[in-house]
Amino acid sequence: MDTGRLKIKLQLHCGSSFAMGPGKAALLEAIKREGSISGAGRALGMSYRRTWLLVDEMNRCFAEKLVETLSGGGRERGARVTEHGLAVLAAYRALVEEASAITRSSAYSELTKLLLAAPRNGEAEGSPD
């Protein structure tokens, strides 16, 4: 989330894996919209393999699967975001919204008053030899 001069990137860790972050939230939304993992990958400009690895990592990090694949023919094939996945996505989006409240704080306001729009040109004073 880029809020002007502050970038906040919320990532939930599960051991050494990333259980959820902005990219995985976007992937869940794309799967919900497209109805398939491959369609979501195409919509996001990702390979099927990369998309599948991200889905697998999410599914392994939560108590219940976030995405389930549907086998068979016709309209009942593809993938869907489970109820648990929808709950995780909603909670993550709510957390992101809460984090954006930082930009309305007095500390953020004070800090941005002290921040230049861009770095000064030239050498840094007191740079190491």
N, C-alpha and C. Protein backbone atom coordinates (compact mmCIF):
# COMPACT_ATOMS: atom_id res chain seq x y z
N MET A 1 0.85 -1.16 0.00
CA MET A 1 0.00 0.00 0.00
C MET A 1 0.90 1.23 0.00
N ASP A 2 0.79 2.03 -1.03
CA ASP A 2 1.57 3.25 -1.14
C ASP A 2 0.66 4.42 -0.78
N THR A 3 0.99 5.12 0.28
CA THR A 3 0.15 6.22 0.75
C THR A 3 0.90 7.53 0.63
N GLY A 4 1.31 7.87 -0.56
CA GLY A 4 2.07 9.09 -0.75
C GLY A 4 3.53 8.87 -0.45
N ARG A 5 3.98 9.33 0.69
CA ARG A 5 5.40 9.25 1.03
C ARG A 5 5.71 8.06 1.92
N LEU A 6 4.74 7.24 2.20
CA LEU A 6 4.92 6.09 3.07
C LEU A 6 4.43 4.84 2.35
N LYS A 7 5.26 3.81 2.34
CA LYS A 7 4.87 2.53 1.74
C LYS A 7 4.78 1.50 2.85
N ILE A 8 3.61 0.90 2.98
CA ILE A 8 3.40 -0.12 4.00
C ILE A 8 3.12 -1.42 3.26
N LYS A 9 3.90 -2.44 3.59
CA LYS A 9 3.72 -3.75 2.98
C LYS A 9 3.55 -4.76 4.11
N LEU A 10 2.32 -5.20 4.32
CA LEU A 10 2.03 -6.14 5.39
C LEU A 10 2.19 -7.57 4.88
N GLN A 11 3.01 -8.32 5.55
CA GLN A 11 3.23 -9.72 5.21
C GLN A 11 3.10 -10.56 6.47
N LEU A 12 2.33 -11.62 6.39
CA LEU A 12 2.21 -12.56 7.50
C LEU A 12 3.15 -13.73 7.24
N HIS A 13 3.96 -14.04 8.24
CA HIS A 13 4.92 -15.13 8.11
C HIS A 13 4.38 -16.40 8.74
N CYS A 14 4.75 -17.51 8.15
CA CYS A 14 4.43 -18.84 8.64
C CYS A 14 5.75 -19.61 8.56
N GLY A 15 6.47 -19.65 9.67
CA GLY A 15 7.81 -20.22 9.61
C GLY A 15 8.67 -19.37 8.70
N SER A 16 9.30 -19.98 7.73
CA SER A 16 10.13 -19.24 6.77
C SER A 16 9.35 -18.85 5.51
N SER A 17 8.07 -19.13 5.49
CA SER A 17 7.22 -18.81 4.33
C SER A 17 6.41 -17.55 4.57
N PHE A 18 5.97 -16.95 3.49
CA PHE A 18 5.04 -15.83 3.55
C PHE A 18 3.64 -16.41 3.37
N ALA A 19 2.84 -16.36 4.42
CA ALA A 19 1.48 -16.91 4.35
C ALA A 19 0.55 -15.99 3.57
N MET A 20 0.72 -14.68 3.77
CA MET A 20 -0.15 -13.72 3.11
C MET A 20 0.57 -12.39 2.99
N GLY A 21 0.33 -11.72 1.89
CA GLY A 21 0.88 -10.40 1.62
C GLY A 21 0.08 -9.79 0.49
N PRO A 22 0.49 -8.64 0.00
CA PRO A 22 -0.29 -7.97 -1.04
C PRO A 22 -0.44 -8.80 -2.32
N GLY A 23 0.61 -9.49 -2.72
CA GLY A 23 0.55 -10.29 -3.94
C GLY A 23 -0.37 -11.49 -3.80
N LYS A 24 -0.32 -12.15 -2.66
CA LYS A 24 -1.18 -13.31 -2.44
C LYS A 24 -2.64 -12.89 -2.28
N ALA A 25 -2.88 -11.73 -1.68
CA ALA A 25 -4.25 -11.22 -1.59
C ALA A 25 -4.79 -10.95 -2.99
N ALA A 26 -3.96 -10.35 -3.84
CA ALA A 26 -4.37 -10.09 -5.22
C ALA A 26 -4.63 -11.40 -5.96
N LEU A 27 -3.82 -12.42 -5.68
CA LEU A 27 -4.01 -13.73 -6.30
C LEU A 27 -5.34 -14.35 -5.87
N LEU A 28 -5.66 -14.29 -4.59
CA LEU A 28 -6.95 -14.82 -4.14
C LEU A 28 -8.10 -14.09 -4.82
N GLU A 29 -8.00 -12.78 -4.94
CA GLU A 29 -9.05 -12.02 -5.61
C GLU A 29 -9.17 -12.42 -7.08
N ALA A 30 -8.03 -12.65 -7.73
CA ALA A 30 -8.04 -13.07 -9.14
C ALA A 30 -8.64 -14.47 -9.30
N ILE A 31 -8.33 -15.38 -8.39
CA ILE A 31 -8.92 -16.73 -8.46
C ILE A 31 -10.42 -16.63 -8.26
N LYS A 32 -10.84 -15.83 -7.34
CA LYS A 32 -12.28 -15.63 -7.10
C LYS A 32 -12.96 -15.10 -8.36
N ARG A 33 -12.33 -14.14 -9.00
CA ARG A 33 -12.89 -13.51 -10.20
C ARG A 33 -12.84 -14.43 -11.42
N GLU A 34 -11.69 -15.10 -11.62
CA GLU A 34 -11.47 -15.90 -12.83
C GLU A 34 -11.99 -17.33 -12.72
N GLY A 35 -12.10 -17.85 -11.52
CA GLY A 35 -12.59 -19.21 -11.34
C GLY A 35 -11.57 -20.29 -11.64
N SER A 36 -10.31 -19.90 -11.80
CA SER A 36 -9.27 -20.90 -12.02
C SER A 36 -7.91 -20.33 -11.64
N ILE A 37 -7.00 -21.23 -11.33
CA ILE A 37 -5.64 -20.82 -10.99
C ILE A 37 -4.92 -20.32 -12.24
N SER A 38 -5.09 -21.03 -13.34
CA SER A 38 -4.42 -20.59 -14.58
C SER A 38 -4.97 -19.26 -15.06
N GLY A 39 -6.27 -19.06 -14.98
CA GLY A 39 -6.87 -17.79 -15.37
C GLY A 39 -6.39 -16.65 -14.49
N ALA A 40 -6.27 -16.90 -13.20
CA ALA A 40 -5.76 -15.88 -12.28
C ALA A 40 -4.32 -15.53 -12.62
N GLY A 41 -3.52 -16.56 -12.91
CA GLY A 41 -2.13 -16.32 -13.29
C GLY A 41 -2.02 -15.47 -14.55
N ARG A 42 -2.83 -15.79 -15.56
CA ARG A 42 -2.84 -15.00 -16.79
C ARG A 42 -3.23 -13.55 -16.50
N ALA A 43 -4.26 -13.37 -15.69
CA ALA A 43 -4.74 -12.03 -15.36
C ALA A 43 -3.68 -11.21 -14.64
N LEU A 44 -2.82 -11.89 -13.86
CA LEU A 44 -1.79 -11.19 -13.10
C LEU A 44 -0.43 -11.21 -13.79
N GLY A 45 -0.36 -11.82 -14.98
CA GLY A 45 0.90 -11.89 -15.72
C GLY A 45 1.91 -12.83 -15.11
N MET A 46 1.42 -13.90 -14.48
CA MET A 46 2.29 -14.88 -13.83
C MET A 46 2.17 -16.23 -14.53
N SER A 47 3.23 -17.02 -14.45
CA SER A 47 3.17 -18.36 -15.00
C SER A 47 2.25 -19.24 -14.15
N TYR A 48 1.75 -20.29 -14.77
CA TYR A 48 0.90 -21.22 -14.02
C TYR A 48 1.68 -21.83 -12.87
N ARG A 49 2.93 -22.20 -13.12
CA ARG A 49 3.75 -22.82 -12.07
C ARG A 49 3.91 -21.88 -10.87
N ARG A 50 4.24 -20.62 -11.12
CA ARG A 50 4.42 -19.65 -10.04
C ARG A 50 3.11 -19.46 -9.27
N THR A 51 2.02 -19.37 -10.00
CA THR A 51 0.71 -19.19 -9.38
C THR A 51 0.39 -20.39 -8.50
N TRP A 52 0.61 -21.59 -9.04
CA TRP A 52 0.33 -22.80 -8.28
C TRP A 52 1.19 -22.89 -7.02
N LEU A 53 2.46 -22.53 -7.11
CA LEU A 53 3.36 -22.56 -5.94
C LEU A 53 2.87 -21.60 -4.85
N LEU A 54 2.38 -20.43 -5.25
CA LEU A 54 1.86 -19.47 -4.27
C LEU A 54 0.60 -20.00 -3.60
N VAL A 55 -0.29 -20.61 -4.39
CA VAL A 55 -1.51 -21.19 -3.83
C VAL A 55 -1.15 -22.31 -2.86
N ASP A 56 -0.22 -23.15 -3.26
CA ASP A 56 0.20 -24.26 -2.40
C ASP A 56 0.79 -23.74 -1.09
N GLU A 57 1.61 -22.69 -1.16
CA GLU A 57 2.20 -22.12 0.05
C GLU A 57 1.12 -21.56 0.97
N MET A 58 0.14 -20.86 0.41
CA MET A 58 -0.96 -20.34 1.24
C MET A 58 -1.73 -21.49 1.89
N ASN A 59 -2.05 -22.50 1.11
CA ASN A 59 -2.83 -23.63 1.64
C ASN A 59 -2.09 -24.35 2.76
N ARG A 60 -0.76 -24.41 2.69
CA ARG A 60 0.02 -25.08 3.72
C ARG A 60 0.19 -24.22 4.98
N CYS A 61 -0.06 -22.93 4.88
CA CYS A 61 0.19 -22.02 6.01
C CYS A 61 -1.03 -21.74 6.87
N PHE A 62 -2.20 -22.08 6.43
CA PHE A 62 -3.41 -21.78 7.20
C PHE A 62 -4.07 -23.07 7.68
N ALA A 63 -4.90 -22.94 8.70
CA ALA A 63 -5.55 -24.10 9.33
C ALA A 63 -6.40 -24.88 8.33
N GLU A 64 -7.00 -24.18 7.39
CA GLU A 64 -7.79 -24.81 6.34
C GLU A 64 -7.36 -24.25 5.00
N LYS A 65 -7.62 -24.98 3.93
CA LYS A 65 -7.25 -24.52 2.59
C LYS A 65 -7.94 -23.20 2.26
N LEU A 66 -7.19 -22.32 1.58
CA LEU A 66 -7.76 -21.07 1.11
C LEU A 66 -8.33 -21.22 -0.29
N VAL A 67 -7.73 -22.13 -1.05
CA VAL A 67 -8.14 -22.39 -2.43
C VAL A 67 -8.30 -23.88 -2.61
N GLU A 68 -9.39 -24.27 -3.25
CA GLU A 68 -9.55 -25.69 -3.58
C GLU A 68 -9.77 -25.81 -5.07
N THR A 69 -9.20 -26.89 -5.61
CA THR A 69 -9.38 -27.15 -7.04
C THR A 69 -10.61 -28.02 -7.22
N LEU A 70 -11.25 -27.81 -8.34
CA LEU A 70 -12.46 -28.56 -8.67
C LEU A 70 -12.16 -29.41 -9.89
N SER A 71 -12.27 -30.72 -9.74
CA SER A 71 -12.00 -31.60 -10.88
C SER A 71 -13.31 -31.90 -11.59
N GLY A 72 -13.18 -32.46 -12.77
CA GLY A 72 -14.37 -32.81 -13.53
C GLY A 72 -14.49 -31.92 -14.75
N GLY A 73 -15.53 -32.12 -15.47
CA GLY A 73 -15.73 -31.36 -16.69
C GLY A 73 -16.80 -30.31 -16.52
N GLY A 74 -16.99 -29.57 -17.57
CA GLY A 74 -18.06 -28.58 -17.59
C GLY A 74 -17.83 -27.41 -16.67
N ARG A 75 -18.91 -26.93 -16.09
CA ARG A 75 -18.88 -25.71 -15.30
C ARG A 75 -18.25 -25.91 -13.92
N GLU A 76 -18.12 -27.13 -13.47
CA GLU A 76 -17.63 -27.40 -12.12
C GLU A 76 -16.13 -27.71 -12.08
N ARG A 77 -15.37 -27.18 -13.00
CA ARG A 77 -13.93 -27.40 -12.95
C ARG A 77 -13.24 -26.07 -12.71
N GLY A 78 -11.98 -26.13 -12.36
CA GLY A 78 -11.23 -24.92 -12.09
C GLY A 78 -10.82 -24.85 -10.63
N ALA A 79 -10.99 -23.70 -10.03
CA ALA A 79 -10.62 -23.51 -8.63
C ALA A 79 -11.53 -22.46 -8.02
N ARG A 80 -11.63 -22.53 -6.71
CA ARG A 80 -12.43 -21.52 -6.02
C ARG A 80 -11.77 -21.18 -4.70
N VAL A 81 -12.02 -19.96 -4.25
CA VAL A 81 -11.55 -19.53 -2.94
C VAL A 81 -12.57 -20.04 -1.93
N THR A 82 -12.11 -20.76 -0.92
CA THR A 82 -12.99 -21.36 0.08
C THR A 82 -13.55 -20.28 1.01
N GLU A 83 -14.50 -20.67 1.84
CA GLU A 83 -15.03 -19.75 2.85
C GLU A 83 -13.91 -19.29 3.78
N HIS A 84 -13.03 -20.22 4.14
CA HIS A 84 -11.88 -19.88 4.98
C HIS A 84 -10.98 -18.88 4.26
N GLY A 85 -10.78 -19.09 2.96
CA GLY A 85 -9.98 -18.17 2.16
C GLY A 85 -10.59 -16.78 2.09
N LEU A 86 -11.91 -16.72 1.95
CA LEU A 86 -12.60 -15.43 1.92
C LEU A 86 -12.46 -14.71 3.26
N ALA A 87 -12.52 -15.48 4.36
CA ALA A 87 -12.36 -14.89 5.69
C ALA A 87 -10.94 -14.35 5.88
N VAL A 88 -9.94 -15.12 5.43
CA VAL A 88 -8.55 -14.68 5.53
C VAL A 88 -8.35 -13.42 4.71
N LEU A 89 -8.87 -13.40 3.49
CA LEU A 89 -8.74 -12.25 2.62
C LEU A 89 -9.40 -11.01 3.23
N ALA A 90 -10.58 -11.16 3.78
CA ALA A 90 -11.28 -10.04 4.41
C ALA A 90 -10.50 -9.52 5.62
N ALA A 91 -9.98 -10.41 6.43
CA ALA A 91 -9.21 -10.01 7.61
C ALA A 91 -7.92 -9.30 7.19
N TYR A 92 -7.26 -9.80 6.14
CA TYR A 92 -6.04 -9.16 5.66
C TYR A 92 -6.34 -7.76 5.14
N ARG A 93 -7.39 -7.63 4.35
CA ARG A 93 -7.77 -6.32 3.80
C ARG A 93 -8.13 -5.35 4.93
N ALA A 94 -8.80 -5.84 5.96
CA ALA A 94 -9.14 -4.98 7.11
C ALA A 94 -7.86 -4.53 7.83
N LEU A 95 -6.90 -5.43 7.97
CA LEU A 95 -5.63 -5.09 8.60
C LEU A 95 -4.89 -4.02 7.80
N VAL A 96 -4.89 -4.16 6.48
CA VAL A 96 -4.26 -3.16 5.62
C VAL A 96 -4.93 -1.80 5.80
N GLU A 97 -6.24 -1.80 5.88
CA GLU A 97 -6.98 -0.55 6.09
C GLU A 97 -6.63 0.07 7.44
N GLU A 98 -6.53 -0.75 8.47
CA GLU A 98 -6.15 -0.24 9.79
C GLU A 98 -4.74 0.34 9.76
N ALA A 99 -3.85 -0.32 9.06
CA ALA A 99 -2.46 0.16 8.98
C ALA A 99 -2.39 1.51 8.26
N SER A 100 -3.28 1.74 7.32
CA SER A 100 -3.26 3.01 6.60
C SER A 100 -3.62 4.18 7.50
N ALA A 101 -4.20 3.90 8.67
CA ALA A 101 -4.50 4.96 9.63
C ALA A 101 -3.24 5.65 10.11
N ILE A 102 -2.10 5.01 9.97
CA ILE A 102 -0.83 5.61 10.36
C ILE A 102 -0.64 6.96 9.65
N THR A 103 -1.07 7.04 8.41
CA THR A 103 -0.88 8.28 7.64
C THR A 103 -1.73 9.42 8.16
N ARG A 104 -2.67 9.12 9.04
CA ARG A 104 -3.50 10.16 9.64
C ARG A 104 -3.02 10.54 11.04
N SER A 105 -1.89 9.98 11.45
CA SER A 105 -1.37 10.24 12.80
C SER A 105 -0.53 11.52 12.83
N SER A 106 -0.41 12.09 14.01
CA SER A 106 0.40 13.29 14.17
C SER A 106 1.89 12.97 13.98
N ALA A 107 2.32 11.79 14.38
CA ALA A 107 3.73 11.40 14.21
C ALA A 107 4.10 11.35 12.73
N TYR A 108 3.22 10.79 11.91
CA TYR A 108 3.47 10.74 10.46
C TYR A 108 3.49 12.16 9.90
N SER A 109 2.56 12.98 10.32
CA SER A 109 2.50 14.37 9.84
C SER A 109 3.79 15.11 10.19
N GLU A 110 4.24 14.95 11.42
CA GLU A 110 5.48 15.61 11.86
C GLU A 110 6.68 15.11 11.07
N LEU A 111 6.77 13.82 10.87
CA LEU A 111 7.90 13.25 10.14
C LEU A 111 7.93 13.73 8.69
N THR A 112 6.79 13.79 8.03
CA THR A 112 6.78 14.22 6.63
C THR A 112 7.10 15.71 6.49
N LYS A 113 6.85 16.51 7.53
CA LYS A 113 7.24 17.93 7.49
C LYS A 113 8.77 18.07 7.48
N LEU A 114 9.46 17.11 8.06
CA LEU A 114 10.92 17.14 8.14
C LEU A 114 11.59 16.47 6.94
N LEU A 115 10.83 15.81 6.12
CA LEU A 115 11.37 15.04 5.00
C LEU A 115 11.42 15.88 3.73
N LEU A 116 12.55 15.82 3.02
CA LEU A 116 12.67 16.50 1.73
C LEU A 116 11.88 15.73 0.67
N ALA A 117 11.49 16.41 -0.38
CA ALA A 117 10.78 15.77 -1.49
C ALA A 117 11.70 14.83 -2.27
N ALA A 118 12.99 15.16 -2.32
CA ALA A 118 13.99 14.35 -3.03
C ALA A 118 15.35 14.59 -2.37
N PRO A 119 16.28 13.66 -2.55
CA PRO A 119 17.61 13.86 -1.96
C PRO A 119 18.31 15.08 -2.56
N ARG A 120 19.14 15.73 -1.77
CA ARG A 120 19.96 16.84 -2.27
C ARG A 120 20.98 16.29 -3.25
N ASN A 121 21.41 17.13 -4.17
CA ASN A 121 22.49 16.77 -5.09
C ASN A 121 23.82 16.94 -4.39
N GLY A 122 24.83 16.21 -4.83
CA GLY A 122 26.16 16.40 -4.30
C GLY A 122 26.57 15.28 -3.36
N GLU A 123 27.76 15.41 -2.86
CA GLU A 123 28.32 14.41 -1.95
C GLU A 123 27.74 14.57 -0.56
N ALA A 124 27.65 13.48 0.11
CA ALA A 124 27.20 13.50 1.50
C ALA A 124 28.31 14.06 2.37
N GLU A 125 27.93 14.89 3.35
CA GLU A 125 28.92 15.42 4.28
C GLU A 125 29.40 14.31 5.19
N GLY A 126 30.68 14.35 5.49
CA GLY A 126 31.23 13.38 6.43
C GLY A 126 31.23 11.97 5.90
N SER A 127 31.29 11.81 4.57
CA SER A 127 31.29 10.46 4.01
C SER A 127 32.60 9.75 4.36
N PRO A 128 32.56 8.44 4.50
CA PRO A 128 33.76 7.69 4.87
C PRO A 128 34.83 7.77 3.78
N ASP A 129 36.09 7.67 4.20
CA ASP A 129 37.23 7.74 3.26
C ASP A 129 37.27 6.57 2.34
